[in-house]
Amino acid sequence: MQGLVHIYTGNGKGKTSAAVGLGIRACGRGFKVLMVQFLKGTETGEAITIEKLAPMFTIHRGKSTGKFTWQMSSEEKEYEKNVQNELLDYARKAAASGQWQMVILDEIMAAIKSEMVKVEDVVSLIKDRHRDVEIVLTGRNAPNELIELADYVSEINEVKHPMNKGIAARKGIEF
């Protein structure tokens, strides 16, 4: 089966959740799924669950600073850029290997937007992957170069969010 490219983008909540749901569906059909998380330094509910599904569904994260890019010093930004490019290289090798049927690049759009990784390198990953590998990309502000390559593009828009009422992110719901 030829692998296709999915994008979950937009300002709404649920892009990672949609990708995880797709990964779980794929696991249920015997696919091996790898999720590489970009710019996520804290432990999330989805990571805890995915770790229980190994080896069918595996998560890979780098040693991120855990800070937003606007909070980082120039040294921290350089460190973070190296971490994110190592993650992208890991994802590239995994997608080309044929060992995985699905590779999810969670928050890759944020890594591109913050200039941690280059969109051209993500385009190369997509073009150079094993032909049977499904690629899933998440994050706000999907660049046109990736939208043009994608077979599925879902834009998740915020209509209403409790954060706008001052309700903080809740463990088990937002992370």
C-alpha atoms as a PDB file:
ATOM      1  CA  MET A   1       0.000   0.000   0.000  1.00  0.00           C
ATOM      2  CA  GLN A   2       1.469   3.343  -1.001  1.00  0.00           C
ATOM      3  CA  GLY A   3       1.901   5.722   1.924  1.00  0.00           C
ATOM      4  CA  LEU A   4       0.240   9.136   1.817  1.00  0.00           C
ATOM      5  CA  VAL A   5       0.880  12.435   3.621  1.00  0.00           C
ATOM      6  CA  HIS A   6      -1.468  13.924   6.232  1.00  0.00           C
ATOM      7  CA  ILE A   7      -1.392  17.400   7.779  1.00  0.00           C
ATOM      8  CA  TYR A   8      -3.299  18.488  10.885  1.00  0.00           C
ATOM      9  CA  THR A   9      -2.942  22.255  11.181  1.00  0.00           C
ATOM     10  CA  GLY A  10      -4.817  25.326  12.424  1.00  0.00           C
ATOM     11  CA  ASN A  11      -5.258  27.260  15.660  1.00  0.00           C
ATOM     12  CA  GLY A  12      -7.690  24.822  17.264  1.00  0.00           C
ATOM     13  CA  LYS A  13      -7.070  22.169  19.899  1.00  0.00           C
ATOM     14  CA  GLY A  14      -6.698  18.549  18.843  1.00  0.00           C
ATOM     15  CA  LYS A  15      -4.001  18.286  16.171  1.00  0.00           C
ATOM     16  CA  THR A  16      -1.803  15.930  18.180  1.00  0.00           C
ATOM     17  CA  SER A  17      -4.875  14.061  19.424  1.00  0.00           C
ATOM     18  CA  ALA A  18      -6.003  13.491  15.823  1.00  0.00           C
ATOM     19  CA  ALA A  19      -2.556  12.181  14.875  1.00  0.00           C
ATOM     20  CA  VAL A  20      -2.452   9.881  17.919  1.00  0.00           C
ATOM     21  CA  GLY A  21      -5.931   8.597  17.059  1.00  0.00           C
ATOM     22  CA  LEU A  22      -4.818   7.816  13.516  1.00  0.00           C
ATOM     23  CA  GLY A  23      -1.735   6.071  14.925  1.00  0.00           C
ATOM     24  CA  ILE A  24      -3.854   3.936  17.257  1.00  0.00           C
ATOM     25  CA  ARG A  25      -6.146   2.996  14.362  1.00  0.00           C
ATOM     26  CA  ALA A  26      -3.084   1.995  12.331  1.00  0.00           C
ATOM     27  CA  CYS A  27      -1.733  -0.094  15.243  1.00  0.00           C
ATOM     28  CA  GLY A  28      -5.069  -1.861  15.447  1.00  0.00           C
ATOM     29  CA  ARG A  29      -4.487  -2.999  11.857  1.00  0.00           C
ATOM     30  CA  GLY A  30      -0.963  -4.217  12.558  1.00  0.00           C
ATOM     31  CA  PHE A  31       1.000  -1.142  11.459  1.00  0.00           C
ATOM     32  CA  LYS A  32       4.130  -0.113  13.333  1.00  0.00           C
ATOM     33  CA  VAL A  33       3.901   3.585  14.183  1.00  0.00           C
ATOM     34  CA  LEU A  34       6.621   6.026  15.233  1.00  0.00           C
ATOM     35  CA  MET A  35       5.795   9.443  16.666  1.00  0.00           C
ATOM     36  CA  VAL A  36       8.639  11.963  16.826  1.00  0.00           C
ATOM     37  CA  GLN A  37       7.747  14.954  19.008  1.00  0.00           C
ATOM     38  CA  PHE A  38       9.303  18.329  18.262  1.00  0.00           C
ATOM     39  CA  LEU A  39       9.572  21.172  20.801  1.00  0.00           C
ATOM     40  CA  LYS A  40       7.783  19.233  23.531  1.00  0.00           C
ATOM     41  CA  GLY A  41       9.835  19.141  26.687  1.00  0.00           C
ATOM     42  CA  THR A  42       7.217  18.072  29.208  1.00  0.00           C
ATOM     43  CA  GLU A  43       5.677  14.655  29.669  1.00  0.00           C
ATOM     44  CA  THR A  44       2.247  14.511  28.078  1.00  0.00           C
ATOM     45  CA  GLY A  45      -0.692  12.157  28.503  1.00  0.00           C
ATOM     46  CA  GLU A  46      -0.335  10.898  24.955  1.00  0.00           C
ATOM     47  CA  ALA A  47       3.350  10.070  25.537  1.00  0.00           C
ATOM     48  CA  ILE A  48       2.495   8.063  28.668  1.00  0.00           C
ATOM     49  CA  THR A  49      -0.130   6.082  26.739  1.00  0.00           C
ATOM     50  CA  ILE A  50       2.008   5.528  23.646  1.00  0.00           C
ATOM     51  CA  GLU A  51       4.838   4.136  25.787  1.00  0.00           C
ATOM     52  CA  LYS A  52       2.401   1.402  26.900  1.00  0.00           C
ATOM     53  CA  LEU A  53       1.753   0.446  23.256  1.00  0.00           C
ATOM     54  CA  ALA A  54       5.410  -0.227  22.394  1.00  0.00           C
ATOM     55  CA  PRO A  55       6.752  -1.763  20.232  1.00  0.00           C
ATOM     56  CA  MET A  56       3.769  -1.264  17.880  1.00  0.00           C
ATOM     57  CA  PHE A  57       3.515   2.466  18.660  1.00  0.00           C
ATOM     58  CA  THR A  58       6.726   4.156  19.744  1.00  0.00           C
ATOM     59  CA  ILE A  59       7.431   7.741  20.741  1.00  0.00           C
ATOM     60  CA  HIS A  60      10.777   9.495  20.370  1.00  0.00           C
ATOM     61  CA  ARG A  61      11.616  12.863  21.925  1.00  0.00           C
ATOM     62  CA  GLY A  62      14.815  14.810  22.361  1.00  0.00           C
ATOM     63  CA  LYS A  63      16.233  16.478  25.447  1.00  0.00           C
ATOM     64  CA  SER A  64      14.439  19.772  24.877  1.00  0.00           C
ATOM     65  CA  THR A  65      14.957  22.828  27.080  1.00  0.00           C
ATOM     66  CA  GLY A  66      11.221  22.759  27.774  1.00  0.00           C
ATOM     67  CA  LYS A  67      11.033  26.502  27.158  1.00  0.00           C
ATOM     68  CA  PHE A  68       9.200  28.495  24.533  1.00  0.00           C
ATOM     69  CA  THR A  69      11.617  29.885  21.944  1.00  0.00           C
ATOM     70  CA  TRP A  70      10.895  33.456  23.057  1.00  0.00           C
ATOM     71  CA  GLN A  71      12.084  32.488  26.570  1.00  0.00           C
ATOM     72  CA  MET A  72      15.419  31.041  25.381  1.00  0.00           C
ATOM     73  CA  SER A  73      18.819  32.671  25.440  1.00  0.00           C
ATOM     74  CA  SER A  74      20.825  32.573  22.207  1.00  0.00           C
ATOM     75  CA  GLU A  75      22.820  29.609  23.584  1.00  0.00           C
ATOM     76  CA  GLU A  76      19.618  27.744  24.452  1.00  0.00           C
ATOM     77  CA  LYS A  77      18.218  28.442  20.983  1.00  0.00           C
ATOM     78  CA  GLU A  78      21.340  26.991  19.381  1.00  0.00           C
ATOM     79  CA  TYR A  79      21.140  23.930  21.643  1.00  0.00           C
ATOM     80  CA  GLU A  80      17.436  23.511  20.844  1.00  0.00           C
ATOM     81  CA  LYS A  81      18.073  23.879  17.121  1.00  0.00           C
ATOM     82  CA  ASN A  82      20.600  21.027  17.307  1.00  0.00           C
ATOM     83  CA  VAL A  83      18.137  18.847  19.250  1.00  0.00           C
ATOM     84  CA  GLN A  84      15.344  19.497  16.741  1.00  0.00           C
ATOM     85  CA  ASN A  85      17.582  18.731  13.758  1.00  0.00           C
ATOM     86  CA  GLU A  86      18.701  15.487  15.419  1.00  0.00           C
ATOM     87  CA  LEU A  87      15.024  14.578  15.816  1.00  0.00           C
ATOM     88  CA  LEU A  88      14.362  15.390  12.163  1.00  0.00           C
ATOM     89  CA  ASP A  89      17.326  13.247  11.112  1.00  0.00           C
ATOM     90  CA  TYR A  90      15.995  10.390  13.261  1.00  0.00           C
ATOM     91  CA  ALA A  91      12.563  10.755  11.620  1.00  0.00           C
ATOM     92  CA  ARG A  92      14.132  10.915   8.149  1.00  0.00           C
ATOM     93  CA  LYS A  93      16.053   7.674   8.712  1.00  0.00           C
ATOM     94  CA  ALA A  94      12.969   5.978  10.164  1.00  0.00           C
ATOM     95  CA  ALA A  95      10.765   7.052   7.241  1.00  0.00           C
ATOM     96  CA  ALA A  96      13.331   5.808   4.712  1.00  0.00           C
ATOM     97  CA  SER A  97      13.975   2.485   6.474  1.00  0.00           C
ATOM     98  CA  GLY A  98      10.668   0.788   5.765  1.00  0.00           C
ATOM     99  CA  GLN A  99      10.655  -0.473   9.375  1.00  0.00           C
ATOM    100  CA  TRP A 100       7.647   1.736  10.192  1.00  0.00           C
ATOM    101  CA  GLN A 101       4.360   1.949   8.319  1.00  0.00           C
ATOM    102  CA  MET A 102       3.538   5.365   9.797  1.00  0.00           C
ATOM    103  CA  VAL A 103       5.802   8.178  10.990  1.00  0.00           C
ATOM    104  CA  ILE A 104       4.207  11.105  12.833  1.00  0.00           C
ATOM    105  CA  LEU A 105       6.128  14.381  13.106  1.00  0.00           C
ATOM    106  CA  ASP A 106       4.265  16.043  15.962  1.00  0.00           C
ATOM    107  CA  GLU A 107       4.601  19.846  16.130  1.00  0.00           C
ATOM    108  CA  ILE A 108       6.946  19.890  13.147  1.00  0.00           C
ATOM    109  CA  MET A 109       5.226  23.087  11.973  1.00  0.00           C
ATOM    110  CA  ALA A 110       6.265  24.828  15.207  1.00  0.00           C
ATOM    111  CA  ALA A 111       9.853  23.684  14.661  1.00  0.00           C
ATOM    112  CA  ILE A 112       9.724  25.169  11.147  1.00  0.00           C
ATOM    113  CA  LYS A 113       7.994  28.399  12.224  1.00  0.00           C
ATOM    114  CA  SER A 114      10.563  28.976  14.992  1.00  0.00           C
ATOM    115  CA  GLU A 115      13.379  28.371  12.469  1.00  0.00           C
ATOM    116  CA  MET A 116      14.670  25.334  14.339  1.00  0.00           C
ATOM    117  CA  VAL A 117      14.383  23.162  11.221  1.00  0.00           C
ATOM    118  CA  LYS A 118      14.116  24.030   7.535  1.00  0.00           C
ATOM    119  CA  VAL A 119      10.977  23.319   5.551  1.00  0.00           C
ATOM    120  CA  GLU A 120      13.215  22.061   2.728  1.00  0.00           C
ATOM    121  CA  ASP A 121      14.505  19.312   5.020  1.00  0.00           C
ATOM    122  CA  VAL A 122      10.950  18.211   5.816  1.00  0.00           C
ATOM    123  CA  VAL A 123      10.120  18.219   2.087  1.00  0.00           C
ATOM    124  CA  SER A 124      13.172  15.990   1.512  1.00  0.00           C
ATOM    125  CA  LEU A 125      12.045  13.610   4.268  1.00  0.00           C
ATOM    126  CA  ILE A 126       8.658  13.261   2.555  1.00  0.00           C
ATOM    127  CA  LYS A 127      10.113  12.767  -0.913  1.00  0.00           C
ATOM    128  CA  ASP A 128      12.839  10.350   0.230  1.00  0.00           C
ATOM    129  CA  ARG A 129      10.686   8.152   2.476  1.00  0.00           C
ATOM    130  CA  HIS A 130      10.013   4.495   1.760  1.00  0.00           C
ATOM    131  CA  ARG A 131       7.052   4.406  -0.633  1.00  0.00           C
ATOM    132  CA  ASP A 132       4.829   2.487   1.839  1.00  0.00           C
ATOM    133  CA  VAL A 133       5.290   4.892   4.767  1.00  0.00           C
ATOM    134  CA  GLU A 134       2.375   7.104   5.794  1.00  0.00           C
ATOM    135  CA  ILE A 135       3.610  10.518   7.001  1.00  0.00           C
ATOM    136  CA  VAL A 136       1.605  12.624   9.467  1.00  0.00           C
ATOM    137  CA  LEU A 137       2.582  16.241  10.205  1.00  0.00           C
ATOM    138  CA  THR A 138       1.044  18.399  12.935  1.00  0.00           C
ATOM    139  CA  GLY A 139       1.191  21.996  14.083  1.00  0.00           C
ATOM    140  CA  ARG A 140      -0.077  25.486  13.406  1.00  0.00           C
ATOM    141  CA  ASN A 141       0.887  27.444  10.292  1.00  0.00           C
ATOM    142  CA  ALA A 142       1.558  24.638   7.829  1.00  0.00           C
ATOM    143  CA  PRO A 143       3.710  26.115   5.050  1.00  0.00           C
ATOM    144  CA  ASN A 144       2.428  25.965   1.476  1.00  0.00           C
ATOM    145  CA  GLU A 145       5.355  23.758   0.422  1.00  0.00           C
ATOM    146  CA  LEU A 146       4.041  21.012   2.718  1.00  0.00           C
ATOM    147  CA  ILE A 147       0.357  21.580   1.943  1.00  0.00           C
ATOM    148  CA  GLU A 148       1.131  21.096  -1.758  1.00  0.00           C
ATOM    149  CA  LEU A 149       2.799  17.721  -1.048  1.00  0.00           C
ATOM    150  CA  ALA A 150       0.046  16.471   1.262  1.00  0.00           C
ATOM    151  CA  ASP A 151      -2.777  14.149   0.316  1.00  0.00           C
ATOM    152  CA  TYR A 152      -4.907  15.046   3.354  1.00  0.00           C
ATOM    153  CA  VAL A 153      -4.991  18.485   4.987  1.00  0.00           C
ATOM    154  CA  SER A 154      -7.266  19.082   7.966  1.00  0.00           C
ATOM    155  CA  GLU A 155      -7.468  22.556   9.455  1.00  0.00           C
ATOM    156  CA  ILE A 156      -8.626  22.541  13.055  1.00  0.00           C
ATOM    157  CA  ASN A 157     -10.002  25.937  14.027  1.00  0.00           C
ATOM    158  CA  GLU A 158     -10.670  27.346  17.462  1.00  0.00           C
ATOM    159  CA  VAL A 159     -14.253  28.478  17.909  1.00  0.00           C
ATOM    160  CA  LYS A 160     -14.168  28.636  21.693  1.00  0.00           C
ATOM    161  CA  HIS A 161     -11.481  27.752  24.250  1.00  0.00           C
ATOM    162  CA  PRO A 162     -11.500  27.894  28.083  1.00  0.00           C
ATOM    163  CA  MET A 163      -8.058  29.544  28.049  1.00  0.00           C
ATOM    164  CA  ASN A 164      -9.843  32.704  26.882  1.00  0.00           C
ATOM    165  CA  LYS A 165     -11.732  32.656  30.216  1.00  0.00           C
ATOM    166  CA  GLY A 166      -8.471  32.300  32.142  1.00  0.00           C
ATOM    167  CA  ILE A 167      -8.751  28.533  32.684  1.00  0.00           C
ATOM    168  CA  ALA A 168      -5.247  27.039  32.618  1.00  0.00           C
ATOM    169  CA  ALA A 169      -4.291  23.904  30.683  1.00  0.00           C
ATOM    170  CA  ARG A 170      -5.506  20.838  32.569  1.00  0.00           C
ATOM    171  CA  LYS A 171      -3.571  17.607  33.064  1.00  0.00           C
ATOM    172  CA  GLY A 172      -5.213  14.785  31.132  1.00  0.00           C
ATOM    173  CA  ILE A 173      -7.157  17.160  28.863  1.00  0.00           C
ATOM    174  CA  GLU A 174      -4.714  19.618  27.284  1.00  0.00           C
ATOM    175  CA  PHE A 175      -1.534  17.690  28.125  1.00  0.00           C
END
